[in-house]
Amino acid sequence: MERQVMIDGRQYHMVANGASPRIYRGLFGKDVFKDTQKMISPDGTINDSEVFENLAFLMVVQGGEIPIGTKIDDWLASIDSPTAILSAAPDIIGLWNDNLDQASEAKKK
């Protein structure tokens, strides 16, 4: 799944796919599924902004916007507004959820 997401006035090409869990584990040493389960509360608010930022960073890296090896702190420092990523939450979370929905659909022939 791919999507263009506007963060702080800049358009980012974001990607989420079958490689996302492995890349996330390589970048952060954690399980993306466990992390994202605790990321959002039942009422839709983001409980863990660090996990949310990690997820956004993962998808920006996969989209080719920044090279693998870039530190997340360097990417975050390039964004002027500390709330800019949170304002893009519907698009970022939507891309992740669409990717999960796509992966879970059975293929019928």
Protein backbone atom coordinates (compact mmCIF):
# COMPACT_ATOMS: atom_id res chain seq x y z
CA MET A 1 0.00 0.00 0.00
CA GLU A 2 1.21 3.48 -0.83
CA ARG A 3 0.01 6.96 -0.02
CA GLN A 4 1.15 10.56 -0.28
CA VAL A 5 0.99 12.21 3.15
CA MET A 6 1.48 15.90 3.91
CA ILE A 7 3.57 16.59 7.01
CA ASP A 8 4.53 20.15 7.91
CA GLY A 9 3.96 21.39 4.35
CA ARG A 10 6.00 18.62 2.73
CA GLN A 11 4.56 15.72 0.74
CA TYR A 12 5.97 12.31 1.78
CA HIS A 13 5.59 9.11 -0.19
CA MET A 14 4.79 6.44 2.42
CA VAL A 15 4.70 2.68 1.92
CA ALA A 16 3.47 -0.17 4.10
CA ASN A 17 3.75 -3.77 2.90
CA GLY A 18 4.81 -7.26 3.86
CA ALA A 19 8.37 -6.12 4.54
CA SER A 20 7.24 -3.54 7.10
CA PRO A 21 7.38 -5.82 10.18
CA ARG A 22 10.92 -6.99 9.36
CA ILE A 23 12.18 -3.48 8.61
CA TYR A 24 10.54 -2.12 11.79
CA ARG A 25 12.26 -4.83 13.83
CA GLY A 26 15.58 -3.94 12.20
CA LEU A 27 15.13 -0.23 12.86
CA PHE A 28 13.74 -0.37 16.39
CA GLY A 29 14.34 -3.90 17.70
CA LYS A 30 10.62 -4.29 18.47
CA ASP A 31 7.55 -6.03 17.09
CA VAL A 32 5.42 -3.60 15.07
CA PHE A 33 2.21 -5.53 15.77
CA LYS A 34 2.66 -5.43 19.55
CA ASP A 35 3.63 -1.78 19.41
CA THR A 36 0.72 -0.67 17.24
CA GLN A 37 -1.80 -2.57 19.39
CA LYS A 38 -0.99 -0.29 22.32
CA MET A 39 -0.59 2.83 20.15
CA ILE A 40 -4.27 3.82 19.83
CA SER A 41 -6.93 3.79 22.54
CA PRO A 42 -10.47 2.56 21.87
CA ASP A 43 -11.67 6.17 21.53
CA GLY A 44 -9.14 6.77 18.74
CA THR A 45 -6.59 8.89 20.59
CA ILE A 46 -2.90 8.13 20.25
CA ASN A 47 -1.59 6.71 23.52
CA ASP A 48 2.02 6.29 22.48
CA SER A 49 3.42 9.05 20.30
CA GLU A 50 6.83 7.37 20.11
CA VAL A 51 5.35 4.27 18.47
CA PHE A 52 3.33 6.51 16.14
CA GLU A 53 6.47 8.43 15.14
CA ASN A 54 8.32 5.13 14.63
CA LEU A 55 5.53 3.87 12.37
CA ALA A 56 5.54 7.09 10.32
CA PHE A 57 9.33 6.93 10.02
CA LEU A 58 9.18 3.29 8.88
CA MET A 59 6.74 4.14 6.11
CA VAL A 60 8.76 7.20 4.99
CA VAL A 61 11.90 5.04 4.79
CA GLN A 62 10.01 2.38 2.83
CA GLY A 63 8.68 5.07 0.51
CA GLY A 64 12.25 6.01 -0.39
CA GLU A 65 11.94 9.52 1.01
CA ILE A 66 14.95 9.08 3.31
CA PRO A 67 17.68 6.46 3.17
CA ILE A 68 17.83 3.48 5.49
CA GLY A 69 20.44 4.37 8.06
CA THR A 70 18.98 7.81 8.72
CA LYS A 71 18.29 8.26 12.41
CA ILE A 72 14.69 8.96 13.37
CA ASP A 73 15.82 11.90 15.50
CA ASP A 74 17.40 13.51 12.42
CA TRP A 75 14.17 13.11 10.45
CA LEU A 76 12.05 14.48 13.31
CA ALA A 77 14.42 17.45 13.67
CA SER A 78 13.80 18.30 10.01
CA ILE A 79 10.11 18.85 10.80
CA ASP A 80 9.46 22.34 12.17
CA SER A 81 6.26 21.73 14.10
CA PRO A 82 6.26 19.13 16.89
CA THR A 83 2.57 18.44 16.22
CA ALA A 84 2.85 18.15 12.42
CA ILE A 85 3.13 14.35 12.44
CA LEU A 86 0.15 14.04 14.79
CA SER A 87 -1.93 16.20 12.46
CA ALA A 88 -1.24 13.64 9.70
CA ALA A 89 -2.37 10.77 11.95
CA PRO A 90 -5.56 9.91 9.99
CA ASP A 91 -3.55 9.37 6.79
CA ILE A 92 -0.69 7.50 8.48
CA ILE A 93 -2.90 5.23 10.56
CA GLY A 94 -5.22 4.77 7.57
CA LEU A 95 -2.32 3.55 5.43
CA TRP A 96 -1.23 1.10 8.14
CA ASN A 97 -4.79 -0.20 8.63
CA ASP A 98 -5.35 -0.51 4.88
CA ASN A 99 -2.16 -2.55 4.67
CA LEU A 100 -3.36 -4.85 7.46
CA ASP A 101 -6.79 -5.23 5.86
CA GLN A 102 -5.20 -6.06 2.51
CA ALA A 103 -2.95 -8.68 4.12
CA SER A 104 -5.83 -10.37 5.92
CA GLU A 105 -8.20 -10.77 2.98
CA ALA A 106 -8.35 -14.29 1.59
CA LYS A 107 -7.76 -14.63 -2.10
CA LYS A 108 -10.51 -16.58 -3.83
CA LYS A 109 -10.31 -18.16 -7.24
